[in-house]
Amino acid sequence: MANVNIRIDETLKQKAESIFSELGLSMTTATTAFYKQVVRVGGIPFELKLDPFYSEVNQKFVQDSIAQLERGEGKTFDDVNQVLAERP
């Protein structure tokens, strides 16, 4: 058996341990399950991606839209779907 030592935010650790406890798992069992899934799928066993709202393209779109509105040149929309259709 091997030991794994990690540093993690205390609040995050407590919240995770609480959930593991409700599931009847120890931190060790949960960590072992995660490692087994990593090996089984050959990578992280869940999708890792950026929130598209915070992408560089969307942030530029928002900044440009605000600048247009401040100059009195911005468009108005009736619903969010129209906004999304304008987005790059």
PDB file of N, CA and C in Angstrom:
ATOM      1  N   MET A   1       0.844  -1.193   0.000  1.00  0.00           N
ATOM      2  CA  MET A   1       0.000   0.000   0.000  1.00  0.00           C
ATOM      3  C   MET A   1       0.880   1.244   0.000  1.00  0.00           C
ATOM      4  N   ALA A   2       0.382   2.295  -0.639  1.00  0.00           N
ATOM      5  CA  ALA A   2       1.104   3.567  -0.702  1.00  0.00           C
ATOM      6  C   ALA A   2       0.303   4.639   0.017  1.00  0.00           C
ATOM      7  N   ASN A   3       0.996   5.626   0.517  1.00  0.00           N
ATOM      8  CA  ASN A   3       0.362   6.789   1.125  1.00  0.00           C
ATOM      9  C   ASN A   3       0.367   7.931   0.121  1.00  0.00           C
ATOM     10  N   VAL A   4      -0.714   8.706   0.106  1.00  0.00           N
ATOM     11  CA  VAL A   4      -0.813   9.887  -0.746  1.00  0.00           C
ATOM     12  C   VAL A   4      -1.087  11.072   0.163  1.00  0.00           C
ATOM     13  N   ASN A   5      -0.234  12.066   0.080  1.00  0.00           N
ATOM     14  CA  ASN A   5      -0.427  13.285   0.872  1.00  0.00           C
ATOM     15  C   ASN A   5      -0.726  14.436  -0.071  1.00  0.00           C
ATOM     16  N   ILE A   6      -1.835  15.116   0.155  1.00  0.00           N
ATOM     17  CA  ILE A   6      -2.198  16.266  -0.676  1.00  0.00           C
ATOM     18  C   ILE A   6      -2.591  17.430   0.221  1.00  0.00           C
ATOM     19  N   ARG A   7      -2.451  18.632  -0.321  1.00  0.00           N
ATOM     20  CA  ARG A   7      -2.919  19.831   0.375  1.00  0.00           C
ATOM     21  C   ARG A   7      -4.194  20.270  -0.321  1.00  0.00           C
ATOM     22  N   ILE A   8      -5.213  20.559   0.466  1.00  0.00           N
ATOM     23  CA  ILE A   8      -6.503  20.954  -0.092  1.00  0.00           C
ATOM     24  C   ILE A   8      -7.161  21.939   0.873  1.00  0.00           C
ATOM     25  N   ASP A   9      -7.970  22.812   0.329  1.00  0.00           N
ATOM     26  CA  ASP A   9      -8.701  23.780   1.139  1.00  0.00           C
ATOM     27  C   ASP A   9      -9.523  23.048   2.199  1.00  0.00           C
ATOM     28  N   GLU A  10      -9.444  23.498   3.430  1.00  0.00           N
ATOM     29  CA  GLU A  10     -10.102  22.812   4.558  1.00  0.00           C
ATOM     30  C   GLU A  10     -11.623  22.742   4.386  1.00  0.00           C
ATOM     31  N   THR A  11     -12.224  23.836   3.925  1.00  0.00           N
ATOM     32  CA  THR A  11     -13.680  23.851   3.739  1.00  0.00           C
ATOM     33  C   THR A  11     -14.100  22.859   2.662  1.00  0.00           C
ATOM     34  N   LEU A  12     -13.357  22.825   1.557  1.00  0.00           N
ATOM     35  CA  LEU A  12     -13.643  21.869   0.493  1.00  0.00           C
ATOM     36  C   LEU A  12     -13.526  20.439   1.011  1.00  0.00           C
ATOM     37  N   LYS A  13     -12.486  20.171   1.786  1.00  0.00           N
ATOM     38  CA  LYS A  13     -12.276  18.837   2.360  1.00  0.00           C
ATOM     39  C   LYS A  13     -13.452  18.445   3.250  1.00  0.00           C
ATOM     40  N   GLN A  14     -13.878  19.351   4.108  1.00  0.00           N
ATOM     41  CA  GLN A  14     -14.990  19.054   5.021  1.00  0.00           C
ATOM     42  C   GLN A  14     -16.284  18.785   4.255  1.00  0.00           C
ATOM     43  N   LYS A  15     -16.556  19.590   3.225  1.00  0.00           N
ATOM     44  CA  LYS A  15     -17.774  19.381   2.442  1.00  0.00           C
ATOM     45  C   LYS A  15     -17.737  18.039   1.721  1.00  0.00           C
ATOM     46  N   ALA A  16     -16.582  17.708   1.141  1.00  0.00           N
ATOM     47  CA  ALA A  16     -16.445  16.429   0.451  1.00  0.00           C
ATOM     48  C   ALA A  16     -16.588  15.269   1.437  1.00  0.00           C
ATOM     49  N   GLU A  17     -15.938  15.367   2.593  1.00  0.00           N
ATOM     50  CA  GLU A  17     -16.037  14.297   3.598  1.00  0.00           C
ATOM     51  C   GLU A  17     -17.473  14.105   4.059  1.00  0.00           C
ATOM     52  N   SER A  18     -18.219  15.180   4.176  1.00  0.00           N
ATOM     53  CA  SER A  18     -19.622  15.091   4.576  1.00  0.00           C
ATOM     54  C   SER A  18     -20.426  14.303   3.548  1.00  0.00           C
ATOM     55  N   ILE A  19     -20.195  14.592   2.275  1.00  0.00           N
ATOM     56  CA  ILE A  19     -20.893  13.866   1.205  1.00  0.00           C
ATOM     57  C   ILE A  19     -20.458  12.410   1.190  1.00  0.00           C
ATOM     58  N   PHE A  20     -19.150  12.168   1.296  1.00  0.00           N
ATOM     59  CA  PHE A  20     -18.663  10.784   1.321  1.00  0.00           C
ATOM     60  C   PHE A  20     -19.280  10.017   2.483  1.00  0.00           C
ATOM     61  N   SER A  21     -19.388  10.669   3.630  1.00  0.00           N
ATOM     62  CA  SER A  21     -19.982  10.028   4.813  1.00  0.00           C
ATOM     63  C   SER A  21     -21.427   9.628   4.551  1.00  0.00           C
ATOM     64  N   GLU A  22     -22.183  10.532   3.918  1.00  0.00           N
ATOM     65  CA  GLU A  22     -23.577  10.216   3.589  1.00  0.00           C
ATOM     66  C   GLU A  22     -23.671   9.039   2.622  1.00  0.00           C
ATOM     67  N   LEU A  23     -22.644   8.884   1.788  1.00  0.00           N
ATOM     68  CA  LEU A  23     -22.599   7.768   0.852  1.00  0.00           C
ATOM     69  C   LEU A  23     -22.031   6.496   1.495  1.00  0.00           C
ATOM     70  N   GLY A  24     -21.601   6.624   2.741  1.00  0.00           N
ATOM     71  CA  GLY A  24     -21.014   5.474   3.435  1.00  0.00           C
ATOM     72  C   GLY A  24     -19.573   5.219   3.041  1.00  0.00           C
ATOM     73  N   LEU A  25     -18.890   6.264   2.572  1.00  0.00           N
ATOM     74  CA  LEU A  25     -17.509   6.123   2.128  1.00  0.00           C
ATOM     75  C   LEU A  25     -16.566   6.923   3.014  1.00  0.00           C
ATOM     76  N   SER A  26     -15.368   6.398   3.188  1.00  0.00           N
ATOM     77  CA  SER A  26     -14.312   7.169   3.836  1.00  0.00           C
ATOM     78  C   SER A  26     -13.596   7.979   2.761  1.00  0.00           C
ATOM     79  N   MET A  27     -12.775   8.931   3.175  1.00  0.00           N
ATOM     80  CA  MET A  27     -11.984   9.703   2.225  1.00  0.00           C
ATOM     81  C   MET A  27     -11.065   8.754   1.453  1.00  0.00           C
ATOM     82  N   THR A  28     -10.505   7.776   2.124  1.00  0.00           N
ATOM     83  CA  THR A  28      -9.625   6.809   1.469  1.00  0.00           C
ATOM     84  C   THR A  28     -10.367   6.010   0.411  1.00  0.00           C
ATOM     85  N   THR A  29     -11.564   5.529   0.738  1.00  0.00           N
ATOM     86  CA  THR A  29     -12.350   4.752  -0.217  1.00  0.00           C
ATOM     87  C   THR A  29     -12.739   5.606  -1.417  1.00  0.00           C
ATOM     88  N   ALA A  30     -13.148   6.839  -1.168  1.00  0.00           N
ATOM     89  CA  ALA A  30     -13.535   7.736  -2.256  1.00  0.00           C
ATOM     90  C   ALA A  30     -12.344   8.051  -3.159  1.00  0.00           C
ATOM     91  N   THR A  31     -11.193   8.292  -2.564  1.00  0.00           N
ATOM     92  CA  THR A  31      -9.991   8.573  -3.344  1.00  0.00           C
ATOM     93  C   THR A  31      -9.581   7.356  -4.163  1.00  0.00           C
ATOM     94  N   THR A  32      -9.662   6.188  -3.569  1.00  0.00           N
ATOM     95  CA  THR A  32      -9.338   4.951  -4.276  1.00  0.00           C
ATOM     96  C   THR A  32     -10.295   4.751  -5.455  1.00  0.00           C
ATOM     97  N   ALA A  33     -11.582   5.026  -5.243  1.00  0.00           N
ATOM     98  CA  ALA A  33     -12.561   4.901  -6.320  1.00  0.00           C
ATOM     99  C   ALA A  33     -12.217   5.856  -7.457  1.00  0.00           C
ATOM    100  N   PHE A  34     -11.814   7.089  -7.124  1.00  0.00           N
ATOM    101  CA  PHE A  34     -11.421   8.061  -8.141  1.00  0.00           C
ATOM    102  C   PHE A  34     -10.225   7.538  -8.934  1.00  0.00           C
ATOM    103  N   TYR A  35      -9.194   7.058  -8.245  1.00  0.00           N
ATOM    104  CA  TYR A  35      -7.997   6.527  -8.911  1.00  0.00           C
ATOM    105  C   TYR A  35      -8.354   5.352  -9.821  1.00  0.00           C
ATOM    106  N   LYS A  36      -9.241   4.476  -9.361  1.00  0.00           N
ATOM    107  CA  LYS A  36      -9.642   3.325 -10.173  1.00  0.00           C
ATOM    108  C   LYS A  36     -10.344   3.780 -11.447  1.00  0.00           C
ATOM    109  N   GLN A  37     -11.177   4.815 -11.339  1.00  0.00           N
ATOM    110  CA  GLN A  37     -11.859   5.346 -12.526  1.00  0.00           C
ATOM    111  C   GLN A  37     -10.853   5.979 -13.484  1.00  0.00           C
ATOM    112  N   VAL A  38      -9.847   6.670 -12.958  1.00  0.00           N
ATOM    113  CA  VAL A  38      -8.807   7.270 -13.798  1.00  0.00           C
ATOM    114  C   VAL A  38      -8.123   6.183 -14.615  1.00  0.00           C
ATOM    115  N   VAL A  39      -7.784   5.091 -13.953  1.00  0.00           N
ATOM    116  CA  VAL A  39      -7.123   3.981 -14.635  1.00  0.00           C
ATOM    117  C   VAL A  39      -8.078   3.329 -15.633  1.00  0.00           C
ATOM    118  N   ARG A  40      -9.331   3.122 -15.240  1.00  0.00           N
ATOM    119  CA  ARG A  40     -10.301   2.449 -16.102  1.00  0.00           C
ATOM    120  C   ARG A  40     -10.562   3.222 -17.389  1.00  0.00           C
ATOM    121  N   VAL A  41     -10.719   4.560 -17.281  1.00  0.00           N
ATOM    122  CA  VAL A  41     -11.043   5.355 -18.474  1.00  0.00           C
ATOM    123  C   VAL A  41      -9.804   5.932 -19.157  1.00  0.00           C
ATOM    124  N   GLY A  42      -8.651   5.795 -18.516  1.00  0.00           N
ATOM    125  CA  GLY A  42      -7.425   6.320 -19.108  1.00  0.00           C
ATOM    126  C   GLY A  42      -7.321   7.825 -19.045  1.00  0.00           C
ATOM    127  N   GLY A  43      -7.907   8.439 -18.042  1.00  0.00           N
ATOM    128  CA  GLY A  43      -7.854   9.892 -17.881  1.00  0.00           C
ATOM    129  C   GLY A  43      -8.774  10.333 -16.764  1.00  0.00           C
ATOM    130  N   ILE A  44      -8.977  11.614 -16.665  1.00  0.00           N
ATOM    131  CA  ILE A  44      -9.890  12.150 -15.653  1.00  0.00           C
ATOM    132  C   ILE A  44     -11.291  11.638 -15.977  1.00  0.00           C
ATOM    133  N   PRO A  45     -11.995  11.073 -14.981  1.00  0.00           N
ATOM    134  CA  PRO A  45     -13.288  10.429 -15.266  1.00  0.00           C
ATOM    135  C   PRO A  45     -14.482  11.381 -15.340  1.00  0.00           C
ATOM    136  N   PHE A  46     -14.225  12.622 -15.665  1.00  0.00           N
ATOM    137  CA  PHE A  46     -15.297  13.587 -15.879  1.00  0.00           C
ATOM    138  C   PHE A  46     -14.757  14.671 -16.791  1.00  0.00           C
ATOM    139  N   GLU A  47     -15.661  15.414 -17.407  1.00  0.00           N
ATOM    140  CA  GLU A  47     -15.267  16.436 -18.356  1.00  0.00           C
ATOM    141  C   GLU A  47     -14.707  17.664 -17.639  1.00  0.00           C
ATOM    142  N   LEU A  48     -13.577  18.140 -18.107  1.00  0.00           N
ATOM    143  CA  LEU A  48     -12.990  19.370 -17.602  1.00  0.00           C
ATOM    144  C   LEU A  48     -13.079  20.405 -18.712  1.00  0.00           C
ATOM    145  N   LYS A  49     -13.777  21.497 -18.456  1.00  0.00           N
ATOM    146  CA  LYS A  49     -13.890  22.531 -19.468  1.00  0.00           C
ATOM    147  C   LYS A  49     -14.126  23.874 -18.802  1.00  0.00           C
ATOM    148  N   LEU A  50     -13.807  24.903 -19.537  1.00  0.00           N
ATOM    149  CA  LEU A  50     -14.051  26.254 -19.067  1.00  0.00           C
ATOM    150  C   LEU A  50     -15.522  26.588 -19.234  1.00  0.00           C
ATOM    151  N   ASP A  51     -16.035  27.420 -18.360  1.00  0.00           N
ATOM    152  CA  ASP A  51     -17.391  27.927 -18.515  1.00  0.00           C
ATOM    153  C   ASP A  51     -17.381  28.830 -19.740  1.00  0.00           C
ATOM    154  N   PRO A  52     -18.177  28.519 -20.763  1.00  0.00           N
ATOM    155  CA  PRO A  52     -18.109  29.305 -21.996  1.00  0.00           C
ATOM    156  C   PRO A  52     -18.416  30.786 -21.785  1.00  0.00           C
ATOM    157  N   PHE A  53     -19.155  31.120 -20.744  1.00  0.00           N
ATOM    158  CA  PHE A  53     -19.463  32.526 -20.485  1.00  0.00           C
ATOM    159  C   PHE A  53     -18.185  33.322 -20.239  1.00  0.00           C
ATOM    160  N   TYR A  54     -17.201  32.674 -19.627  1.00  0.00           N
ATOM    161  CA  TYR A  54     -15.979  33.379 -19.272  1.00  0.00           C
ATOM    162  C   TYR A  54     -14.877  33.244 -20.314  1.00  0.00           C
ATOM    163  N   SER A  55     -15.214  32.744 -21.510  1.00  0.00           N
ATOM    164  CA  SER A  55     -14.205  32.623 -22.555  1.00  0.00           C
ATOM    165  C   SER A  55     -13.749  34.014 -22.986  1.00  0.00           C
ATOM    166  N   GLU A  56     -12.564  34.060 -23.546  1.00  0.00           N
ATOM    167  CA  GLU A  56     -12.000  35.335 -24.006  1.00  0.00           C
ATOM    168  C   GLU A  56     -12.898  35.982 -25.057  1.00  0.00           C
ATOM    169  N   VAL A  57     -13.444  35.166 -25.960  1.00  0.00           N
ATOM    170  CA  VAL A  57     -14.316  35.683 -27.023  1.00  0.00           C
ATOM    171  C   VAL A  57     -15.575  36.299 -26.427  1.00  0.00           C
ATOM    172  N   ASN A  58     -16.206  35.612 -25.483  1.00  0.00           N
ATOM    173  CA  ASN A  58     -17.431  36.143 -24.882  1.00  0.00           C
ATOM    174  C   ASN A  58     -17.155  37.390 -24.050  1.00  0.00           C
ATOM    175  N   GLN A  59     -16.049  37.408 -23.339  1.00  0.00           N
ATOM    176  CA  GLN A  59     -15.733  38.581 -22.531  1.00  0.00           C
ATOM    177  C   GLN A  59     -15.493  39.797 -23.427  1.00  0.00           C
ATOM    178  N   LYS A  60     -14.832  39.584 -24.577  1.00  0.00           N
ATOM    179  CA  LYS A  60     -14.633  40.690 -25.525  1.00  0.00           C
ATOM    180  C   LYS A  60     -15.978  41.155 -26.074  1.00  0.00           C
ATOM    181  N   PHE A  61     -16.863  40.215 -26.402  1.00  0.00           N
ATOM    182  CA  PHE A  61     -18.198  40.556 -26.891  1.00  0.00           C
ATOM    183  C   PHE A  61     -18.937  41.414 -25.864  1.00  0.00           C
ATOM    184  N   VAL A  62     -18.877  41.023 -24.607  1.00  0.00           N
ATOM    185  CA  VAL A  62     -19.553  41.772 -23.540  1.00  0.00           C
ATOM    186  C   VAL A  62     -18.943  43.163 -23.412  1.00  0.00           C
ATOM    187  N   GLN A  63     -17.622  43.246 -23.391  1.00  0.00           N
ATOM    188  CA  GLN A  63     -16.953  44.544 -23.268  1.00  0.00           C
ATOM    189  C   GLN A  63     -17.282  45.451 -24.454  1.00  0.00           C
ATOM    190  N   ASP A  64     -17.259  44.878 -25.658  1.00  0.00           N
ATOM    191  CA  ASP A  64     -17.595  45.668 -26.851  1.00  0.00           C
ATOM    192  C   ASP A  64     -19.049  46.135 -26.801  1.00  0.00           C
ATOM    193  N   SER A  65     -19.948  45.267 -26.357  1.00  0.00           N
ATOM    194  CA  SER A  65     -21.370  45.632 -26.261  1.00  0.00           C
ATOM    195  C   SER A  65     -21.576  46.755 -25.263  1.00  0.00           C
ATOM    196  N   ILE A  66     -20.905  46.697 -24.137  1.00  0.00           N
ATOM    197  CA  ILE A  66     -21.014  47.750 -23.119  1.00  0.00           C
ATOM    198  C   ILE A  66     -20.483  49.067 -23.687  1.00  0.00           C
ATOM    199  N   ALA A  67     -19.347  48.999 -24.381  1.00  0.00           N
ATOM    200  CA  ALA A  67     -18.767  50.209 -24.973  1.00  0.00           C
ATOM    201  C   ALA A  67     -19.723  50.817 -25.996  1.00  0.00           C
ATOM    202  N   GLN A  68     -20.375  49.980 -26.808  1.00  0.00           N
ATOM    203  CA  GLN A  68     -21.346  50.476 -27.795  1.00  0.00           C
ATOM    204  C   GLN A  68     -22.515  51.159 -27.098  1.00  0.00           C
ATOM    205  N   LEU A  69     -23.014  50.542 -26.037  1.00  0.00           N
ATOM    206  CA  LEU A  69     -24.130  51.132 -25.294  1.00  0.00           C
ATOM    207  C   LEU A  69     -23.737  52.474 -24.692  1.00  0.00           C
ATOM    208  N   GLU A  70     -22.518  52.558 -24.173  1.00  0.00           N
ATOM    209  CA  GLU A  70     -22.056  53.809 -23.575  1.00  0.00           C
ATOM    210  C   GLU A  70     -21.938  54.914 -24.619  1.00  0.00           C
ATOM    211  N   ARG A  71     -21.680  54.539 -25.880  1.00  0.00           N
ATOM    212  CA  ARG A  71     -21.605  55.517 -26.976  1.00  0.00           C
ATOM    213  C   ARG A  71     -22.973  55.767 -27.593  1.00  0.00           C
ATOM    214  N   GLY A  72     -23.998  55.096 -27.106  1.00  0.00           N
ATOM    215  CA  GLY A  72     -25.335  55.238 -27.656  1.00  0.00           C
ATOM    216  C   GLY A  72     -25.523  54.488 -28.964  1.00  0.00           C
ATOM    217  N   GLU A  73     -24.673  53.509 -29.229  1.00  0.00           N
ATOM    218  CA  GLU A  73     -24.705  52.783 -30.498  1.00  0.00           C
ATOM    219  C   GLU A  73     -25.179  51.340 -30.341  1.00  0.00           C
ATOM    220  N   GLY A  74     -25.470  50.912 -29.167  1.00  0.00           N
ATOM    221  CA  GLY A  74     -25.780  49.505 -28.939  1.00  0.00           C
ATOM    222  C   GLY A  74     -27.143  49.087 -29.441  1.00  0.00           C
ATOM    223  N   LYS A  75     -27.300  47.793 -29.642  1.00  0.00           N
ATOM    224  CA  LYS A  75     -28.578  47.220 -30.057  1.00  0.00           C
ATOM    225  C   LYS A  75     -29.388  46.849 -28.825  1.00  0.00           C
ATOM    226  N   THR A  76     -30.675  46.771 -29.010  1.00  0.00           N
ATOM    227  CA  THR A  76     -31.533  46.237 -27.956  1.00  0.00           C
ATOM    228  C   THR A  76     -32.141  44.931 -28.472  1.00  0.00           C
ATOM    229  N   PHE A  77     -32.465  44.065 -27.564  1.00  0.00           N
ATOM    230  CA  PHE A  77     -32.979  42.741 -27.902  1.00  0.00           C
ATOM    231  C   PHE A  77     -34.239  42.456 -27.110  1.00  0.00           C
ATOM    232  N   ASP A  78     -35.107  41.648 -27.688  1.00  0.00           N
ATOM    233  CA  ASP A  78     -36.345  41.269 -27.017  1.00  0.00           C
ATOM    234  C   ASP A  78     -36.188  40.042 -26.125  1.00  0.00           C
ATOM    235  N   ASP A  79     -35.216  39.184 -26.451  1.00  0.00           N
ATOM    236  CA  ASP A  79     -34.987  38.022 -25.595  1.00  0.00           C
ATOM    237  C   ASP A  79     -33.539  37.548 -25.716  1.00  0.00           C
ATOM    238  N   VAL A  80     -33.165  36.700 -24.822  1.00  0.00           N
ATOM    239  CA  VAL A  80     -31.780  36.244 -24.734  1.00  0.00           C
ATOM    240  C   VAL A  80     -31.346  35.468 -25.966  1.00  0.00           C
ATOM    241  N   ASN A  81     -32.267  34.808 -26.647  1.00  0.00           N
ATOM    242  CA  ASN A  81     -31.904  34.061 -27.851  1.00  0.00           C
ATOM    243  C   ASN A  81     -31.371  34.982 -28.945  1.00  0.00           C
ATOM    244  N   GLN A  82     -31.910  36.190 -29.035  1.00  0.00           N
ATOM    245  CA  GLN A  82     -31.408  37.155 -30.002  1.00  0.00           C
ATOM    246  C   GLN A  82     -29.981  37.569 -29.655  1.00  0.00           C
ATOM    247  N   VAL A  83     -29.727  37.732 -28.361  1.00  0.00           N
ATOM    248  CA  VAL A  83     -28.374  38.080 -27.909  1.00  0.00           C
ATOM    249  C   VAL A  83     -27.416  36.955 -28.280  1.00  0.00           C
ATOM    250  N   LEU A  84     -27.803  35.732 -27.979  1.00  0.00           N
ATOM    251  CA  LEU A  84     -26.942  34.589 -28.275  1.00  0.00           C
ATOM    252  C   LEU A  84     -26.671  34.446 -29.760  1.00  0.00           C
ATOM    253  N   ALA A  85     -27.638  34.794 -30.585  1.00  0.00           N
ATOM    254  CA  ALA A  85     -27.451  34.704 -32.030  1.00  0.00           C
ATOM    255  C   ALA A  85     -26.427  35.723 -32.530  1.00  0.00           C
ATOM    256  N   GLU A  86     -26.259  36.836 -31.827  1.00  0.00           N
ATOM    257  CA  GLU A  86     -25.314  37.879 -32.203  1.00  0.00           C
ATOM    258  C   GLU A  86     -23.887  37.574 -31.759  1.00  0.00           C
ATOM    259  N   ARG A  87     -23.792  36.734 -30.796  1.00  0.00           N
ATOM    260  CA  ARG A  87     -22.511  36.415 -30.191  1.00  0.00           C
ATOM    261  C   ARG A  87     -21.624  35.671 -31.182  1.00  0.00           C
ATOM    262  N   PRO A  88     -20.295  35.968 -31.152  1.00  0.00           N
ATOM    263  CA  PRO A  88     -19.375  35.247 -32.052  1.00  0.00           C
ATOM    264  C   PRO A  88     -19.285  33.770 -31.699  1.00  0.00           C
TER     265      PRO A  88
END
